[in-house]
N, C-alpha and C. Protein backbone atom coordinates (compact mmCIF):
# COMPACT_ATOMS: atom_id res chain seq x y z
N UNK A 1 87.78 85.56 54.39
CA UNK A 1 86.60 85.69 53.32
C UNK A 1 85.21 85.77 53.95
N UNK A 2 85.04 85.06 54.95
CA UNK A 2 83.64 85.08 55.74
C UNK A 2 83.58 86.50 56.29
N UNK A 3 84.58 87.11 56.59
CA UNK A 3 84.56 88.58 57.29
C UNK A 3 83.95 89.39 56.11
N UNK A 4 84.46 89.36 55.00
CA UNK A 4 84.02 90.25 53.82
C UNK A 4 82.57 90.00 53.76
N UNK A 5 82.08 88.82 53.43
CA UNK A 5 80.69 88.46 53.25
C UNK A 5 80.00 89.02 54.31
N UNK A 6 80.41 88.88 55.75
CA UNK A 6 79.58 89.24 56.81
C UNK A 6 79.33 90.82 56.46
N UNK A 7 80.39 91.54 56.32
CA UNK A 7 80.44 93.09 56.27
C UNK A 7 79.55 93.39 55.10
N UNK A 8 79.50 92.77 53.95
CA UNK A 8 78.72 93.23 52.80
C UNK A 8 77.15 92.90 53.10
N UNK A 9 76.92 91.81 53.81
CA UNK A 9 75.62 91.46 54.04
C UNK A 9 74.97 92.58 55.21
N UNK A 10 75.95 92.89 56.06
CA UNK A 10 75.54 94.00 57.12
C UNK A 10 75.33 95.41 56.33
N UNK A 11 76.07 95.61 55.37
CA UNK A 11 75.89 96.82 54.59
C UNK A 11 74.51 96.87 53.74
N UNK A 12 74.30 95.74 53.28
CA UNK A 12 73.00 95.42 52.54
C UNK A 12 71.84 95.58 53.45
N UNK A 13 71.94 94.93 54.58
CA UNK A 13 70.77 95.06 55.69
C UNK A 13 70.67 96.64 55.94
N UNK A 14 71.62 97.24 56.28
CA UNK A 14 71.57 98.67 56.61
C UNK A 14 70.86 99.56 55.53
N UNK A 15 71.29 99.24 54.21
CA UNK A 15 70.61 99.93 53.13
C UNK A 15 69.15 99.61 53.12
N UNK A 16 68.93 98.29 53.29
CA UNK A 16 67.39 97.94 53.13
C UNK A 16 66.55 98.52 54.28
N UNK A 17 67.22 98.66 55.52
CA UNK A 17 66.69 99.42 56.74
C UNK A 17 66.49 100.86 56.35
N UNK A 18 67.48 101.26 55.65
CA UNK A 18 67.28 102.85 55.42
C UNK A 18 66.22 103.13 54.33
N UNK A 19 66.09 102.24 53.49
CA UNK A 19 65.05 102.36 52.43
C UNK A 19 63.50 102.25 53.00
N UNK A 20 63.54 101.15 53.94
CA UNK A 20 62.25 100.89 54.74
C UNK A 20 61.96 102.16 55.45
N UNK A 21 62.84 102.71 56.11
CA UNK A 21 62.64 103.97 56.93
C UNK A 21 62.20 105.23 56.20
N UNK A 22 62.80 105.31 54.98
CA UNK A 22 62.36 106.38 54.09
C UNK A 22 60.90 106.28 53.60
N UNK A 23 60.59 105.05 53.33
CA UNK A 23 59.29 104.56 52.91
C UNK A 23 58.29 104.87 53.97
N UNK A 24 58.63 104.45 55.16
CA UNK A 24 57.87 104.65 56.41
C UNK A 24 57.47 106.04 56.81
N UNK A 25 58.61 107.01 56.48
CA UNK A 25 58.64 108.48 56.68
C UNK A 25 57.60 109.15 55.71
N UNK A 26 57.63 108.54 54.46
CA UNK A 26 56.66 109.01 53.40
C UNK A 26 55.27 108.59 53.88
N UNK A 27 55.05 107.64 54.28
CA UNK A 27 53.68 107.03 54.70
C UNK A 27 53.19 107.77 55.97
N UNK A 28 54.02 108.05 56.86
CA UNK A 28 53.67 108.98 57.87
C UNK A 28 53.46 110.34 57.49
N UNK A 29 54.12 110.96 56.55
CA UNK A 29 53.88 112.13 55.82
C UNK A 29 52.37 112.30 55.34
N UNK A 30 52.07 111.19 54.48
CA UNK A 30 50.80 111.10 53.99
C UNK A 30 49.63 110.87 54.95
N UNK A 31 49.85 110.14 55.89
CA UNK A 31 48.93 109.95 57.13
C UNK A 31 48.76 111.23 57.76
N UNK A 32 49.82 112.11 57.96
CA UNK A 32 49.69 113.31 58.76
C UNK A 32 49.02 114.41 57.81
N UNK A 33 49.39 114.33 56.67
CA UNK A 33 48.58 115.23 55.62
C UNK A 33 47.09 114.93 55.53
N UNK A 34 46.55 113.69 55.67
CA UNK A 34 45.21 113.46 55.72
C UNK A 34 44.60 114.03 57.08
N UNK A 35 45.35 113.70 58.13
CA UNK A 35 44.80 114.19 59.47
C UNK A 35 44.65 115.71 59.61
N UNK A 36 45.53 116.30 59.05
CA UNK A 36 45.67 117.83 59.06
C UNK A 36 44.84 118.44 57.85
N UNK A 37 44.16 117.72 57.17
CA UNK A 37 43.51 118.25 56.03
C UNK A 37 44.25 118.87 55.07
N UNK A 38 45.43 118.47 54.92
CA UNK A 38 46.41 119.32 54.00
C UNK A 38 46.35 118.49 52.72
N UNK A 39 46.29 119.18 51.66
CA UNK A 39 46.42 118.52 50.36
C UNK A 39 47.64 118.83 49.76
N UNK A 40 48.36 117.83 49.41
CA UNK A 40 49.64 117.99 48.80
C UNK A 40 49.25 117.94 47.12
N UNK A 41 49.67 119.01 46.58
CA UNK A 41 49.55 119.15 45.06
C UNK A 41 50.53 118.24 44.46
N UNK A 42 50.31 117.02 44.06
CA UNK A 42 51.29 116.20 43.44
C UNK A 42 51.43 116.68 42.01
N UNK A 43 50.56 117.47 41.38
CA UNK A 43 50.84 117.95 40.15
C UNK A 43 51.91 119.10 40.03
N UNK A 44 52.15 119.71 41.17
CA UNK A 44 53.12 120.63 41.26
C UNK A 44 54.42 120.13 41.91
N UNK A 45 54.38 118.96 42.24
CA UNK A 45 55.65 118.33 42.76
C UNK A 45 56.36 117.45 41.60
N UNK A 46 57.67 117.28 41.80
CA UNK A 46 58.43 116.54 40.96
C UNK A 46 59.62 115.85 41.78
N UNK A 47 60.02 114.71 41.44
CA UNK A 47 61.27 114.13 42.17
C UNK A 47 62.60 114.20 41.26
N UNK A 48 63.55 114.53 41.91
CA UNK A 48 64.76 114.58 41.23
C UNK A 48 65.84 114.07 42.07
N UNK A 49 66.26 112.80 41.85
CA UNK A 49 67.51 112.47 42.70
C UNK A 49 68.29 111.52 41.91
N UNK A 50 69.51 111.71 42.20
CA UNK A 50 70.52 110.83 41.51
C UNK A 50 71.47 110.00 42.46
N UNK A 51 71.62 108.68 42.00
CA UNK A 51 72.38 107.73 42.85
C UNK A 51 73.31 107.02 42.10
N UNK A 52 74.45 106.65 42.62
CA UNK A 52 75.44 105.88 41.94
C UNK A 52 74.99 104.48 42.02
N UNK A 53 74.95 104.03 40.77
CA UNK A 53 74.75 102.32 40.70
C UNK A 53 75.78 101.81 39.82
N UNK A 54 76.40 100.93 40.43
CA UNK A 54 77.66 100.21 39.76
C UNK A 54 78.73 101.27 39.48
N UNK A 55 78.71 101.57 38.05
CA UNK A 55 79.59 102.67 37.65
C UNK A 55 79.09 103.93 36.96
N UNK A 56 77.63 104.12 36.97
CA UNK A 56 76.98 105.11 36.41
C UNK A 56 76.09 105.62 37.25
N UNK A 57 75.58 106.89 36.97
CA UNK A 57 74.55 107.63 37.78
C UNK A 57 73.11 107.33 37.16
N UNK A 58 72.18 107.01 38.07
CA UNK A 58 70.84 106.80 37.59
C UNK A 58 69.84 107.63 38.44
N UNK A 59 68.70 107.86 37.99
CA UNK A 59 67.71 108.65 38.75
C UNK A 59 66.90 107.78 39.49
N UNK A 60 66.40 108.24 40.76
CA UNK A 60 65.70 107.65 41.61
C UNK A 60 64.26 107.39 40.99
N UNK A 61 63.59 106.41 41.42
CA UNK A 61 62.19 106.05 41.04
C UNK A 61 61.23 107.05 41.59
N UNK A 62 60.01 107.20 40.85
CA UNK A 62 58.92 108.11 41.46
C UNK A 62 58.53 107.62 42.73
N UNK A 63 58.06 108.43 43.59
CA UNK A 63 57.58 108.21 44.97
C UNK A 63 55.93 108.47 45.14
N UNK A 64 55.39 107.86 46.14
CA UNK A 64 54.07 107.83 46.23
C UNK A 64 53.68 108.96 47.40
N UNK A 65 52.68 109.79 47.04
CA UNK A 65 52.24 110.81 48.14
C UNK A 65 50.73 110.66 48.01
N UNK A 66 49.98 110.33 49.06
CA UNK A 66 48.61 110.24 49.00
C UNK A 66 48.08 109.17 48.01
N UNK A 67 49.00 108.21 47.98
CA UNK A 67 48.67 107.10 46.84
C UNK A 67 48.60 107.56 45.57
N UNK A 68 49.31 108.79 45.22
CA UNK A 68 49.42 109.18 43.92
C UNK A 68 50.93 109.36 43.66
N UNK A 69 51.50 108.84 42.39
CA UNK A 69 52.82 108.90 42.09
C UNK A 69 53.04 110.43 41.74
N UNK A 70 54.36 110.73 42.40
CA UNK A 70 55.00 111.98 42.02
C UNK A 70 55.69 111.95 40.79
N UNK A 71 55.49 112.79 39.85
CA UNK A 71 56.23 112.57 38.56
C UNK A 71 57.71 112.82 38.80
N UNK A 72 58.57 112.35 38.06
CA UNK A 72 59.90 112.62 37.94
C UNK A 72 60.36 113.31 36.87
N UNK A 73 61.47 114.02 37.11
CA UNK A 73 61.97 114.89 36.02
C UNK A 73 62.68 113.88 34.97
N UNK A 74 62.44 114.03 33.67
CA UNK A 74 63.09 113.23 32.73
C UNK A 74 64.48 113.47 32.53
N UNK A 75 65.21 112.49 32.19
CA UNK A 75 66.65 112.73 32.04
C UNK A 75 66.82 113.49 30.79
N UNK A 76 67.72 114.67 31.12
CA UNK A 76 67.99 115.63 29.91
C UNK A 76 67.04 116.65 30.13
N UNK A 77 66.01 116.86 30.96
CA UNK A 77 65.19 118.01 31.20
C UNK A 77 65.76 118.65 32.39
N UNK A 78 65.32 119.97 32.69
CA UNK A 78 65.78 120.67 33.80
C UNK A 78 64.60 121.27 34.62
N UNK A 79 64.61 121.58 35.87
CA UNK A 79 63.74 122.31 36.49
C UNK A 79 64.21 123.35 37.42
N UNK A 80 63.38 124.30 37.80
CA UNK A 80 63.80 125.38 38.59
C UNK A 80 63.06 125.25 40.13
N UNK A 81 63.89 125.43 41.11
CA UNK A 81 63.46 125.39 42.39
C UNK A 81 64.04 126.52 43.35
N UNK A 82 63.29 127.23 43.73
CA UNK A 82 63.57 128.51 44.54
C UNK A 82 64.74 129.21 43.76
N UNK A 83 64.43 129.42 42.59
CA UNK A 83 65.33 130.35 41.81
C UNK A 83 66.51 129.62 41.21
N UNK A 84 66.88 128.45 41.79
CA UNK A 84 67.98 127.73 41.18
C UNK A 84 67.53 126.66 40.08
N UNK A 85 68.51 126.53 39.18
CA UNK A 85 68.22 125.48 38.07
C UNK A 85 68.85 124.25 38.35
N UNK A 86 68.12 122.98 38.00
CA UNK A 86 68.93 121.76 38.18
C UNK A 86 68.62 120.95 36.87
N UNK A 87 69.49 120.21 36.62
CA UNK A 87 69.38 119.17 35.55
C UNK A 87 70.26 117.74 35.88
N UNK A 88 69.95 116.95 35.20
CA UNK A 88 70.49 115.63 35.48
C UNK A 88 72.08 115.58 35.13
N UNK A 89 72.44 116.15 34.04
CA UNK A 89 73.89 116.30 33.73
C UNK A 89 74.61 117.54 34.30
N UNK A 90 73.93 118.45 35.10
CA UNK A 90 74.54 119.43 35.80
C UNK A 90 75.28 120.44 34.89
N UNK A 91 74.64 120.67 33.68
CA UNK A 91 75.32 121.65 32.79
C UNK A 91 74.71 123.09 32.77
N UNK A 92 73.41 123.12 33.43
CA UNK A 92 72.83 124.54 33.42
C UNK A 92 72.42 125.08 32.03
N UNK A 93 72.19 124.31 31.24
CA UNK A 93 71.93 124.64 29.90
C UNK A 93 70.69 125.41 29.75
N UNK A 94 69.60 125.11 30.33
CA UNK A 94 68.44 125.90 30.51
C UNK A 94 68.57 127.25 30.91
N UNK A 95 69.35 127.45 32.12
CA UNK A 95 69.58 128.60 32.77
C UNK A 95 70.37 129.64 31.90
N UNK A 96 71.68 128.88 31.20
CA UNK A 96 72.44 129.64 30.19
C UNK A 96 71.58 130.32 29.01
N UNK A 97 70.64 129.51 28.62
CA UNK A 97 69.87 129.77 27.47
C UNK A 97 68.93 130.98 27.82
N UNK A 98 68.29 130.91 29.09
CA UNK A 98 67.33 131.85 29.60
C UNK A 98 68.13 133.36 29.73
N UNK A 99 69.33 133.08 30.44
CA UNK A 99 70.16 134.40 30.66
C UNK A 99 70.56 134.96 29.25
N UNK A 100 71.12 134.19 28.30
CA UNK A 100 71.45 134.72 27.05
C UNK A 100 70.48 135.39 26.30
N UNK A 101 69.15 134.65 26.32
CA UNK A 101 68.08 135.46 25.59
C UNK A 101 67.81 136.89 26.13
N UNK A 102 67.61 136.86 27.54
CA UNK A 102 67.40 137.86 28.34
C UNK A 102 68.59 139.10 27.93
N UNK A 103 69.80 138.70 28.01
CA UNK A 103 70.87 139.64 27.80
C UNK A 103 70.80 140.11 26.38
N UNK A 104 70.61 139.32 25.37
CA UNK A 104 70.48 139.59 24.01
C UNK A 104 69.29 140.70 23.71
N UNK A 105 68.07 140.42 24.44
CA UNK A 105 67.13 141.26 24.17
C UNK A 105 67.33 142.59 24.64
N UNK A 106 67.90 142.70 26.02
CA UNK A 106 68.31 143.90 26.49
C UNK A 106 69.29 144.72 25.70
N UNK A 107 70.43 143.97 25.28
CA UNK A 107 71.40 144.71 24.43
C UNK A 107 70.75 145.36 23.16
N UNK A 108 69.92 144.40 22.51
CA UNK A 108 69.52 144.82 21.29
C UNK A 108 68.60 146.28 21.34
N UNK A 109 67.68 146.01 22.42
CA UNK A 109 66.88 147.14 22.80
C UNK A 109 67.54 148.43 23.04
N UNK A 110 68.63 148.42 23.81
CA UNK A 110 69.58 149.57 24.09
C UNK A 110 70.22 150.27 22.76
N UNK A 111 70.66 149.17 21.98
CA UNK A 111 71.32 149.42 20.69
C UNK A 111 70.44 150.19 19.75
N UNK A 112 69.14 149.78 19.80
CA UNK A 112 68.27 150.53 18.93
C UNK A 112 67.74 151.96 19.27
N UNK A 113 68.11 152.27 20.50
CA UNK A 113 67.73 153.61 20.91
C UNK A 113 68.59 154.60 20.39
N UNK A 114 67.93 155.89 19.89
CA UNK A 114 68.94 156.77 19.22
C UNK A 114 69.48 157.79 20.39
N UNK A 115 70.33 157.18 21.05
CA UNK A 115 71.25 157.84 22.02
C UNK A 115 72.70 157.99 21.90
N UNK A 116 73.16 158.92 22.52
CA UNK A 116 74.73 159.13 22.50
C UNK A 116 75.32 157.83 22.99
N UNK A 117 76.39 157.43 22.49
CA UNK A 117 77.11 156.11 23.00
C UNK A 117 77.40 156.20 24.62
N UNK A 118 77.63 157.35 24.97
CA UNK A 118 77.95 157.37 26.58
C UNK A 118 76.71 157.04 27.30
N UNK A 119 75.45 157.56 26.80
CA UNK A 119 74.31 157.14 27.62
C UNK A 119 73.91 155.74 27.30
N UNK A 120 74.32 155.19 26.25
CA UNK A 120 74.02 153.68 26.08
C UNK A 120 74.82 152.87 26.96
N UNK A 121 76.18 153.37 27.27
CA UNK A 121 76.98 152.53 28.31
C UNK A 121 76.17 152.73 29.60
N UNK A 122 75.74 154.08 30.04
CA UNK A 122 75.02 154.15 31.28
C UNK A 122 73.90 153.23 31.33
N UNK A 123 73.13 153.17 30.33
CA UNK A 123 71.88 152.11 30.28
C UNK A 123 72.40 150.76 30.51
N UNK A 124 73.46 150.54 29.72
CA UNK A 124 73.94 149.05 29.78
C UNK A 124 74.34 148.76 31.11
N UNK A 125 75.12 149.68 31.82
CA UNK A 125 75.69 149.35 33.26
C UNK A 125 74.42 149.31 34.19
N UNK A 126 73.43 150.16 33.98
CA UNK A 126 72.41 150.19 35.03
C UNK A 126 71.49 148.97 34.88
N UNK A 127 70.92 148.70 33.66
CA UNK A 127 69.80 147.98 33.31
C UNK A 127 70.35 146.45 32.90
N UNK A 128 71.52 146.34 32.58
CA UNK A 128 71.97 144.78 32.08
C UNK A 128 72.94 144.45 33.11
N UNK A 129 73.96 145.04 33.41
CA UNK A 129 75.01 144.49 34.36
C UNK A 129 74.55 144.33 35.79
N UNK A 130 73.81 145.61 36.29
CA UNK A 130 73.48 145.53 37.60
C UNK A 130 72.64 144.30 38.06
N UNK A 131 71.46 144.06 37.29
CA UNK A 131 70.73 143.05 37.62
C UNK A 131 71.40 141.61 37.80
N UNK A 132 72.46 141.53 36.84
CA UNK A 132 73.17 140.32 36.78
C UNK A 132 74.12 140.16 37.88
N UNK A 133 74.59 141.14 38.33
CA UNK A 133 75.60 141.21 39.59
C UNK A 133 74.82 141.05 40.91
N UNK A 134 73.57 141.48 40.95
CA UNK A 134 72.86 141.53 42.20
C UNK A 134 72.34 140.06 42.33
N UNK A 135 71.90 139.25 41.31
CA UNK A 135 71.38 138.04 41.35
C UNK A 135 72.38 136.89 41.76
């Protein structure tokens, strides 16, 4: 029994050390930013992290950069980073909604054109399908 308690206390100690290391790295980053006269635009930043706590997933707490809290993404909201969409439930609903509206707009625009159906199919292949296949 003492062996299990010792292992658990070591794991807890390692987790606390890891947390302290992360906070130290964030502090060093802030100090380096001040030294380099680099301004971190906190209003353009956001935090999004999920961790397992007991039996459910929770979001990380906001972080400090240059003594300013970095806002976190609210649960249920999504954000776009380097062209990829992320959300807490990993459903990609915002991305699906954006793609479906673009697709519907393109389809209705092609449908309203007074063209032969063969030409409409060509437009559909070139301007609707091709961009979705390349991205």
